[in-house]
Amino acid sequence: MATPRPTGKNGSKKNEMSKSGVDQELIRQLADLLKETELSEIEIETDNLKLRVSRQVSQVSAHFAPAPSAAPAAAPAASAPADAASHPGAVASPMVGTAYLAAEPGTPPFVTVGSTVKEGQTVLIIEAMKTMTHIPAPRSGKVSAILVEDGQPVEFGEPLLVIE
């Protein structure tokens, strides 16, 4: 419930100026506006005043697991070499991001285990900061293992697949 504001002789609200010359009534009105609109910050500027009112907003982060695929999750890992990172045909991630095996959900993957690829052919996509980066095959050969799942977060240098 709002507290009554002091009024002047004519019944209008008077500005409550603090010793520093800040209009406390204006600050209260802006704070109320923040609550009403669920904004986190409001800034106003006039010729002789610049005022910013902000409130602390708790951030909620959500982590979503990738949707289950029709193929068993263990299938790509089953054909992976024991130490894929040191395999000479390993294709390492050039960045941190999310790996996607297909151009769009519901479309066929760029490659599957057993696919023959040519040097420069896109083998998967890594999304980082809403930018899709096509990852090309560094050499021609046969895909012997896919080490990531569609929608899986990847780290820089992490092996993505193996081309023999």
N, C-alpha and C. Protein backbone atom coordinates (compact mmCIF):
# COMPACT_ATOMS: atom_id res chain seq x y z
N MET A 1 0.84 -1.17 0.00
CA MET A 1 0.00 0.00 0.00
C MET A 1 0.89 1.23 0.00
N ALA A 2 0.57 2.20 -0.80
CA ALA A 2 1.39 3.39 -0.93
C ALA A 2 1.22 4.28 0.29
N THR A 3 2.33 4.89 0.70
CA THR A 3 2.26 5.82 1.83
C THR A 3 1.87 7.19 1.30
N PRO A 4 1.12 7.96 2.10
CA PRO A 4 0.70 9.29 1.64
C PRO A 4 1.91 10.19 1.43
N ARG A 5 1.86 11.00 0.41
CA ARG A 5 2.93 11.93 0.10
C ARG A 5 2.56 13.31 0.64
N PRO A 6 3.52 14.07 1.12
CA PRO A 6 3.22 15.42 1.61
C PRO A 6 2.69 16.28 0.48
N THR A 7 1.78 17.15 0.79
CA THR A 7 1.22 18.03 -0.22
C THR A 7 1.45 19.49 0.17
N GLY A 8 1.44 20.34 -0.82
CA GLY A 8 1.65 21.77 -0.60
C GLY A 8 0.35 22.44 -0.18
N LYS A 9 0.35 23.77 -0.10
CA LYS A 9 -0.80 24.53 0.36
C LYS A 9 -2.01 24.35 -0.54
N ASN A 10 -1.79 24.20 -1.83
CA ASN A 10 -2.91 24.08 -2.76
C ASN A 10 -3.34 22.64 -2.98
N GLY A 11 -2.78 21.71 -2.20
CA GLY A 11 -3.18 20.31 -2.32
C GLY A 11 -2.36 19.52 -3.31
N SER A 12 -1.50 20.19 -4.08
CA SER A 12 -0.66 19.45 -5.04
C SER A 12 0.53 18.86 -4.30
N LYS A 13 1.06 17.78 -4.85
CA LYS A 13 2.23 17.16 -4.25
C LYS A 13 3.42 18.07 -4.43
N LYS A 14 4.18 18.24 -3.37
CA LYS A 14 5.38 19.07 -3.52
C LYS A 14 6.58 18.17 -3.70
N ASN A 15 7.57 18.65 -4.36
CA ASN A 15 8.79 17.88 -4.55
C ASN A 15 9.57 17.86 -3.26
N GLU A 16 10.01 16.67 -2.86
CA GLU A 16 10.82 16.52 -1.66
C GLU A 16 12.27 16.58 -2.09
N MET A 17 12.90 17.68 -1.87
CA MET A 17 14.29 17.84 -2.26
C MET A 17 15.17 17.57 -1.05
N SER A 18 16.13 16.69 -1.20
CA SER A 18 17.06 16.43 -0.12
C SER A 18 18.12 17.52 -0.11
N LYS A 19 18.98 17.48 0.86
CA LYS A 19 20.04 18.48 0.97
C LYS A 19 20.93 18.48 -0.28
N SER A 20 21.05 17.34 -0.96
CA SER A 20 21.89 17.26 -2.15
C SER A 20 21.17 17.76 -3.39
N GLY A 21 19.89 18.13 -3.27
CA GLY A 21 19.15 18.65 -4.40
C GLY A 21 18.50 17.56 -5.25
N VAL A 22 18.40 16.33 -4.74
CA VAL A 22 17.81 15.23 -5.49
C VAL A 22 16.32 15.16 -5.18
N ASP A 23 15.51 15.05 -6.19
CA ASP A 23 14.06 14.98 -6.05
C ASP A 23 13.67 13.57 -5.61
N GLN A 24 13.43 13.41 -4.31
CA GLN A 24 13.11 12.09 -3.77
C GLN A 24 11.77 11.58 -4.28
N GLU A 25 10.83 12.46 -4.51
CA GLU A 25 9.53 12.05 -5.04
C GLU A 25 9.69 11.43 -6.42
N LEU A 26 10.53 12.04 -7.25
CA LEU A 26 10.79 11.50 -8.58
C LEU A 26 11.41 10.11 -8.49
N ILE A 27 12.34 9.96 -7.56
CA ILE A 27 12.98 8.64 -7.38
C ILE A 27 11.94 7.61 -6.96
N ARG A 28 11.05 7.98 -6.05
CA ARG A 28 10.00 7.04 -5.62
C ARG A 28 9.09 6.66 -6.79
N GLN A 29 8.73 7.65 -7.60
CA GLN A 29 7.87 7.38 -8.75
C GLN A 29 8.57 6.43 -9.73
N LEU A 30 9.85 6.66 -9.96
CA LEU A 30 10.58 5.79 -10.87
C LEU A 30 10.72 4.38 -10.29
N ALA A 31 10.94 4.28 -8.98
CA ALA A 31 11.04 2.97 -8.34
C ALA A 31 9.71 2.23 -8.46
N ASP A 32 8.60 2.94 -8.27
CA ASP A 32 7.29 2.31 -8.44
C ASP A 32 7.08 1.85 -9.88
N LEU A 33 7.54 2.66 -10.82
CA LEU A 33 7.43 2.30 -12.23
C LEU A 33 8.25 1.05 -12.54
N LEU A 34 9.42 0.92 -11.92
CA LEU A 34 10.23 -0.30 -12.09
C LEU A 34 9.45 -1.53 -11.66
N LYS A 35 8.80 -1.42 -10.51
CA LYS A 35 8.02 -2.56 -9.99
C LYS A 35 6.86 -2.90 -10.91
N GLU A 36 6.14 -1.87 -11.35
CA GLU A 36 4.96 -2.09 -12.19
C GLU A 36 5.33 -2.73 -13.52
N THR A 37 6.41 -2.27 -14.13
CA THR A 37 6.77 -2.73 -15.46
C THR A 37 7.74 -3.90 -15.45
N GLU A 38 8.22 -4.26 -14.26
CA GLU A 38 9.20 -5.35 -14.11
C GLU A 38 10.48 -5.08 -14.87
N LEU A 39 10.81 -3.81 -15.07
CA LEU A 39 12.09 -3.44 -15.66
C LEU A 39 13.16 -3.54 -14.59
N SER A 40 14.41 -3.61 -14.99
CA SER A 40 15.49 -3.66 -14.02
C SER A 40 16.17 -2.31 -13.85
N GLU A 41 15.95 -1.38 -14.79
CA GLU A 41 16.63 -0.11 -14.71
C GLU A 41 15.90 0.95 -15.53
N ILE A 42 15.87 2.18 -15.00
CA ILE A 42 15.33 3.32 -15.73
C ILE A 42 16.33 4.46 -15.59
N GLU A 43 16.59 5.15 -16.68
CA GLU A 43 17.49 6.28 -16.64
C GLU A 43 16.83 7.46 -17.35
N ILE A 44 16.87 8.63 -16.70
CA ILE A 44 16.35 9.84 -17.33
C ILE A 44 17.43 10.90 -17.28
N GLU A 45 17.39 11.81 -18.24
CA GLU A 45 18.39 12.86 -18.29
C GLU A 45 17.73 14.14 -18.79
N THR A 46 17.96 15.23 -18.06
CA THR A 46 17.51 16.54 -18.48
C THR A 46 18.75 17.42 -18.59
N ASP A 47 18.55 18.72 -18.82
CA ASP A 47 19.68 19.62 -18.96
C ASP A 47 20.58 19.64 -17.73
N ASN A 48 19.98 19.59 -16.54
CA ASN A 48 20.78 19.71 -15.32
C ASN A 48 20.70 18.49 -14.41
N LEU A 49 20.15 17.38 -14.89
CA LEU A 49 19.98 16.21 -14.03
C LEU A 49 20.10 14.93 -14.86
N LYS A 50 20.84 13.99 -14.32
CA LYS A 50 20.90 12.65 -14.90
C LYS A 50 20.64 11.70 -13.74
N LEU A 51 19.61 10.88 -13.87
CA LEU A 51 19.18 10.02 -12.79
C LEU A 51 18.94 8.61 -13.31
N ARG A 52 19.53 7.64 -12.62
CA ARG A 52 19.31 6.23 -12.98
C ARG A 52 18.85 5.49 -11.73
N VAL A 53 17.74 4.78 -11.85
CA VAL A 53 17.20 3.98 -10.77
C VAL A 53 17.21 2.54 -11.26
N SER A 54 17.80 1.66 -10.46
CA SER A 54 17.83 0.25 -10.87
C SER A 54 17.49 -0.61 -9.67
N ARG A 55 17.09 -1.80 -9.97
CA ARG A 55 16.78 -2.75 -8.90
C ARG A 55 17.51 -4.03 -9.20
N GLN A 56 17.80 -4.78 -8.17
CA GLN A 56 18.49 -6.04 -8.33
C GLN A 56 17.49 -7.08 -8.81
N VAL A 57 17.85 -7.75 -9.87
CA VAL A 57 16.97 -8.77 -10.45
C VAL A 57 17.67 -10.10 -10.31
N SER A 58 16.97 -11.06 -9.74
CA SER A 58 17.57 -12.38 -9.65
C SER A 58 17.48 -13.04 -11.02
N GLN A 59 18.59 -13.58 -11.45
CA GLN A 59 18.61 -14.21 -12.76
C GLN A 59 18.38 -15.70 -12.61
N VAL A 60 17.58 -16.21 -13.49
CA VAL A 60 17.28 -17.63 -13.50
C VAL A 60 17.91 -18.21 -14.74
N SER A 61 18.73 -19.20 -14.57
CA SER A 61 19.31 -19.83 -15.74
C SER A 61 18.71 -21.22 -15.88
N ALA A 62 18.41 -21.55 -17.09
CA ALA A 62 17.81 -22.85 -17.36
C ALA A 62 18.74 -23.65 -18.25
N HIS A 63 18.92 -24.88 -17.93
CA HIS A 63 19.73 -25.77 -18.76
C HIS A 63 18.81 -26.86 -19.27
N PHE A 64 18.81 -27.03 -20.56
CA PHE A 64 17.95 -28.02 -21.17
C PHE A 64 18.78 -29.16 -21.72
N ALA A 65 18.33 -30.36 -21.45
CA ALA A 65 19.00 -31.53 -22.01
C ALA A 65 18.55 -31.68 -23.45
N PRO A 66 19.41 -32.15 -24.33
CA PRO A 66 18.98 -32.34 -25.71
C PRO A 66 17.87 -33.39 -25.79
N ALA A 67 17.01 -33.21 -26.77
CA ALA A 67 15.91 -34.15 -26.96
C ALA A 67 16.48 -35.52 -27.30
N PRO A 68 15.86 -36.57 -26.76
CA PRO A 68 16.37 -37.91 -27.08
C PRO A 68 16.22 -38.20 -28.57
N SER A 69 17.23 -38.81 -29.13
CA SER A 69 17.19 -39.14 -30.55
C SER A 69 16.68 -40.57 -30.73
N ALA A 70 16.35 -40.88 -31.96
CA ALA A 70 15.82 -42.21 -32.25
C ALA A 70 16.90 -43.28 -32.07
N ALA A 71 18.15 -42.92 -32.38
CA ALA A 71 19.25 -43.88 -32.24
C ALA A 71 19.72 -43.90 -30.79
N PRO A 72 20.20 -45.02 -30.31
CA PRO A 72 20.70 -45.07 -28.95
C PRO A 72 21.91 -44.15 -28.78
N ALA A 73 22.00 -43.52 -27.63
CA ALA A 73 23.07 -42.55 -27.38
C ALA A 73 24.44 -43.21 -27.39
N ALA A 74 24.54 -44.47 -27.06
CA ALA A 74 25.83 -45.13 -26.98
C ALA A 74 26.39 -45.50 -28.35
N ALA A 75 25.60 -45.40 -29.41
CA ALA A 75 26.05 -45.81 -30.72
C ALA A 75 27.28 -45.05 -31.20
N PRO A 76 27.35 -43.69 -31.13
CA PRO A 76 28.55 -43.02 -31.58
C PRO A 76 29.76 -43.38 -30.73
N ALA A 77 29.59 -43.48 -29.43
CA ALA A 77 30.72 -43.76 -28.55
C ALA A 77 31.22 -45.20 -28.72
N ALA A 78 30.35 -46.10 -29.12
CA ALA A 78 30.75 -47.50 -29.25
C ALA A 78 31.83 -47.68 -30.30
N SER A 79 31.78 -46.88 -31.37
CA SER A 79 32.78 -47.03 -32.41
C SER A 79 33.96 -46.08 -32.22
N ALA A 80 33.98 -45.33 -31.11
CA ALA A 80 35.06 -44.37 -30.87
C ALA A 80 36.32 -45.09 -30.42
N PRO A 81 37.47 -44.66 -30.92
CA PRO A 81 38.72 -45.25 -30.45
C PRO A 81 38.93 -44.95 -28.97
N ALA A 82 39.75 -45.74 -28.31
CA ALA A 82 39.96 -45.59 -26.88
C ALA A 82 40.48 -44.19 -26.54
N ASP A 83 41.42 -43.66 -27.30
CA ASP A 83 41.96 -42.33 -27.03
C ASP A 83 41.79 -41.48 -28.28
N ALA A 84 40.56 -41.00 -28.50
CA ALA A 84 40.23 -40.29 -29.73
C ALA A 84 40.99 -38.98 -29.88
N ALA A 85 41.31 -38.31 -28.78
CA ALA A 85 42.00 -37.02 -28.86
C ALA A 85 43.37 -37.15 -29.51
N SER A 86 44.04 -38.28 -29.29
CA SER A 86 45.38 -38.44 -29.86
C SER A 86 45.35 -39.15 -31.22
N HIS A 87 44.17 -39.53 -31.68
CA HIS A 87 44.06 -40.19 -32.98
C HIS A 87 44.44 -39.21 -34.07
N PRO A 88 45.25 -39.63 -35.05
CA PRO A 88 45.69 -38.71 -36.10
C PRO A 88 44.56 -38.17 -36.97
N GLY A 89 43.43 -38.84 -37.02
CA GLY A 89 42.31 -38.38 -37.83
C GLY A 89 41.25 -37.63 -37.04
N ALA A 90 41.53 -37.34 -35.76
CA ALA A 90 40.54 -36.65 -34.92
C ALA A 90 40.35 -35.22 -35.40
N VAL A 91 39.09 -34.81 -35.47
CA VAL A 91 38.75 -33.43 -35.82
C VAL A 91 38.39 -32.74 -34.50
N ALA A 92 39.22 -31.79 -34.10
CA ALA A 92 39.03 -31.11 -32.82
C ALA A 92 38.16 -29.86 -33.00
N SER A 93 37.44 -29.53 -31.95
CA SER A 93 36.60 -28.33 -31.97
C SER A 93 37.48 -27.08 -31.96
N PRO A 94 37.25 -26.16 -32.88
CA PRO A 94 38.04 -24.94 -32.91
C PRO A 94 37.55 -23.89 -31.93
N MET A 95 36.46 -24.18 -31.20
CA MET A 95 35.88 -23.18 -30.30
C MET A 95 34.98 -23.85 -29.27
N VAL A 96 34.57 -23.07 -28.29
CA VAL A 96 33.58 -23.49 -27.31
C VAL A 96 32.21 -23.19 -27.91
N GLY A 97 31.28 -24.11 -27.76
CA GLY A 97 29.94 -23.87 -28.30
C GLY A 97 29.08 -25.11 -28.18
N THR A 98 28.07 -25.18 -29.03
CA THR A 98 27.16 -26.31 -29.06
C THR A 98 27.27 -26.97 -30.43
N ALA A 99 27.53 -28.26 -30.45
CA ALA A 99 27.70 -28.99 -31.70
C ALA A 99 26.35 -29.48 -32.23
N TYR A 100 26.17 -29.30 -33.51
CA TYR A 100 24.97 -29.80 -34.18
C TYR A 100 25.40 -30.67 -35.36
N LEU A 101 24.79 -31.85 -35.46
CA LEU A 101 25.17 -32.80 -36.51
C LEU A 101 24.42 -32.57 -37.81
N ALA A 102 23.36 -31.75 -37.78
CA ALA A 102 22.55 -31.47 -38.97
C ALA A 102 22.34 -29.97 -39.10
N ALA A 103 21.96 -29.54 -40.30
CA ALA A 103 21.75 -28.12 -40.56
C ALA A 103 20.55 -27.58 -39.78
N GLU A 104 19.52 -28.38 -39.63
CA GLU A 104 18.30 -27.99 -38.91
C GLU A 104 17.74 -29.22 -38.22
N PRO A 105 16.97 -29.01 -37.15
CA PRO A 105 16.33 -30.16 -36.51
C PRO A 105 15.43 -30.91 -37.51
N GLY A 106 15.50 -32.21 -37.47
CA GLY A 106 14.65 -33.02 -38.35
C GLY A 106 15.25 -33.29 -39.72
N THR A 107 16.39 -32.68 -40.04
CA THR A 107 17.03 -32.95 -41.33
C THR A 107 18.13 -33.98 -41.13
N PRO A 108 18.54 -34.65 -42.20
CA PRO A 108 19.60 -35.66 -42.06
C PRO A 108 20.91 -35.04 -41.60
N PRO A 109 21.71 -35.78 -40.85
CA PRO A 109 23.00 -35.26 -40.40
C PRO A 109 23.95 -35.04 -41.58
N PHE A 110 24.93 -34.17 -41.37
CA PHE A 110 25.92 -33.92 -42.42
C PHE A 110 26.69 -35.20 -42.75
N VAL A 111 27.08 -35.94 -41.71
CA VAL A 111 27.80 -37.21 -41.90
C VAL A 111 27.32 -38.22 -40.87
N THR A 112 27.54 -39.49 -41.18
CA THR A 112 27.28 -40.58 -40.24
C THR A 112 28.52 -41.46 -40.23
N VAL A 113 28.59 -42.35 -39.25
CA VAL A 113 29.72 -43.28 -39.21
C VAL A 113 29.69 -44.10 -40.49
N GLY A 114 30.80 -44.17 -41.19
CA GLY A 114 30.89 -44.89 -42.45
C GLY A 114 30.80 -43.97 -43.67
N SER A 115 30.40 -42.70 -43.47
CA SER A 115 30.32 -41.75 -44.59
C SER A 115 31.71 -41.44 -45.12
N THR A 116 31.78 -41.26 -46.42
CA THR A 116 33.02 -40.81 -47.04
C THR A 116 32.90 -39.30 -47.23
N VAL A 117 33.94 -38.58 -46.78
CA VAL A 117 33.92 -37.13 -46.88
C VAL A 117 35.11 -36.65 -47.70
N LYS A 118 34.94 -35.46 -48.28
CA LYS A 118 36.01 -34.82 -49.02
C LYS A 118 36.55 -33.67 -48.18
N GLU A 119 37.81 -33.34 -48.34
CA GLU A 119 38.41 -32.22 -47.62
C GLU A 119 37.59 -30.95 -47.88
N GLY A 120 37.26 -30.23 -46.80
CA GLY A 120 36.48 -29.00 -46.93
C GLY A 120 34.98 -29.19 -46.80
N GLN A 121 34.49 -30.42 -46.87
CA GLN A 121 33.06 -30.70 -46.75
C GLN A 121 32.64 -30.44 -45.30
N THR A 122 31.48 -29.81 -45.10
CA THR A 122 30.96 -29.56 -43.75
C THR A 122 30.62 -30.89 -43.09
N VAL A 123 31.17 -31.10 -41.88
CA VAL A 123 30.88 -32.33 -41.15
C VAL A 123 29.96 -32.09 -39.96
N LEU A 124 29.92 -30.86 -39.46
CA LEU A 124 28.99 -30.48 -38.41
C LEU A 124 29.03 -28.97 -38.24
N ILE A 125 28.19 -28.46 -37.36
CA ILE A 125 28.11 -27.02 -37.09
C ILE A 125 28.32 -26.81 -35.60
N ILE A 126 29.05 -25.74 -35.26
CA ILE A 126 29.16 -25.36 -33.86
C ILE A 126 28.55 -23.97 -33.72
N GLU A 127 27.61 -23.85 -32.80
CA GLU A 127 26.98 -22.57 -32.54
C GLU A 127 27.64 -21.95 -31.32
N ALA A 128 28.05 -20.70 -31.47
CA ALA A 128 28.60 -19.93 -30.36
C ALA A 128 28.05 -18.52 -30.46
N MET A 129 27.38 -18.07 -29.43
CA MET A 129 26.82 -16.72 -29.39
C MET A 129 25.90 -16.46 -30.59
N LYS A 130 25.06 -17.41 -30.88
CA LYS A 130 24.06 -17.34 -31.96
C LYS A 130 24.68 -17.25 -33.35
N THR A 131 25.95 -17.62 -33.46
CA THR A 131 26.61 -17.67 -34.76
C THR A 131 26.90 -19.13 -35.09
N MET A 132 26.46 -19.55 -36.27
CA MET A 132 26.67 -20.93 -36.71
C MET A 132 27.97 -21.01 -37.52
N THR A 133 28.90 -21.81 -37.04
CA THR A 133 30.18 -21.99 -37.72
C THR A 133 30.23 -23.39 -38.30
N HIS A 134 30.36 -23.47 -39.61
CA HIS A 134 30.46 -24.77 -40.28
C HIS A 134 31.88 -25.31 -40.07
N ILE A 135 31.96 -26.56 -39.63
CA ILE A 135 33.25 -27.20 -39.40
C ILE A 135 33.54 -28.09 -40.60
N PRO A 136 34.61 -27.76 -41.35
CA PRO A 136 34.94 -28.55 -42.54
C PRO A 136 35.82 -29.74 -42.20
N ALA A 137 35.74 -30.75 -43.04
CA ALA A 137 36.63 -31.91 -42.89
C ALA A 137 38.04 -31.44 -43.24
N PRO A 138 39.01 -31.68 -42.36
CA PRO A 138 40.38 -31.24 -42.64
C PRO A 138 41.07 -32.08 -43.71
N ARG A 139 40.49 -33.25 -43.99
CA ARG A 139 41.07 -34.12 -45.03
C ARG A 139 39.98 -35.05 -45.55
N SER A 140 40.24 -35.66 -46.67
CA SER A 140 39.30 -36.63 -47.24
C SER A 140 39.47 -37.96 -46.52
N GLY A 141 38.40 -38.73 -46.45
CA GLY A 141 38.48 -40.04 -45.82
C GLY A 141 37.11 -40.54 -45.42
N LYS A 142 37.12 -41.54 -44.54
CA LYS A 142 35.90 -42.17 -44.07
C LYS A 142 35.71 -41.83 -42.60
N VAL A 143 34.49 -41.44 -42.23
CA VAL A 143 34.18 -41.13 -40.83
C VAL A 143 34.11 -42.45 -40.07
N SER A 144 35.04 -42.63 -39.12
CA SER A 144 35.05 -43.88 -38.36
C SER A 144 34.37 -43.74 -36.99
N ALA A 145 34.22 -42.50 -36.51
CA ALA A 145 33.56 -42.30 -35.22
C ALA A 145 33.03 -40.87 -35.13
N ILE A 146 31.87 -40.75 -34.54
CA ILE A 146 31.31 -39.44 -34.20
C ILE A 146 31.27 -39.41 -32.68
N LEU A 147 32.01 -38.48 -32.10
CA LEU A 147 32.24 -38.48 -30.66
C LEU A 147 31.32 -37.55 -29.88
N VAL A 148 30.46 -36.83 -30.57
CA VAL A 148 29.53 -35.91 -29.89
C VAL A 148 28.10 -36.22 -30.32
N GLU A 149 27.16 -35.80 -29.50
CA GLU A 149 25.76 -35.96 -29.84
C GLU A 149 25.21 -34.63 -30.32
N ASP A 150 24.13 -34.67 -31.04
CA ASP A 150 23.50 -33.46 -31.54
C ASP A 150 23.06 -32.59 -30.36
N GLY A 151 23.45 -31.31 -30.36
CA GLY A 151 23.07 -30.40 -29.29
C GLY A 151 23.97 -30.44 -28.08
N GLN A 152 25.07 -31.15 -28.17
CA GLN A 152 25.98 -31.30 -27.03
C GLN A 152 26.93 -30.11 -26.92
N PRO A 153 27.12 -29.55 -25.73
CA PRO A 153 28.12 -28.50 -25.56
C PRO A 153 29.52 -29.09 -25.75
N VAL A 154 30.39 -28.33 -26.40
CA VAL A 154 31.76 -28.79 -26.64
C VAL A 154 32.75 -27.71 -26.20
N GLU A 155 33.95 -28.13 -25.88
CA GLU A 155 35.03 -27.25 -25.46
C GLU A 155 36.04 -27.10 -26.58
N PHE A 156 36.86 -26.07 -26.51
CA PHE A 156 37.93 -25.88 -27.47
C PHE A 156 38.87 -27.08 -27.41
N GLY A 157 39.21 -27.63 -28.57
CA GLY A 157 40.15 -28.75 -28.64
C GLY A 157 39.53 -30.12 -28.41
N GLU A 158 38.26 -30.17 -28.04
CA GLU A 158 37.60 -31.46 -27.79
C GLU A 158 37.43 -32.20 -29.11
N PRO A 159 37.75 -33.49 -29.16
CA PRO A 159 37.56 -34.26 -30.40
C PRO A 159 36.08 -34.41 -30.71
N LEU A 160 35.73 -34.13 -31.97
CA LEU A 160 34.33 -34.17 -32.41
C LEU A 160 34.01 -35.45 -33.18
N LEU A 161 34.92 -35.80 -34.06
CA LEU A 161 34.76 -37.02 -34.86
C LEU A 161 36.13 -37.45 -35.37
N VAL A 162 36.17 -38.64 -35.94
CA VAL A 162 37.43 -39.18 -36.46
C VAL A 162 37.25 -39.50 -37.93
N ILE A 163 38.18 -39.02 -38.75
CA ILE A 163 38.19 -39.33 -40.18
C ILE A 163 39.45 -40.14 -40.46
N GLU A 164 39.26 -41.35 -41.03
CA GLU A 164 40.41 -42.20 -41.34
C GLU A 164 40.68 -42.21 -42.83
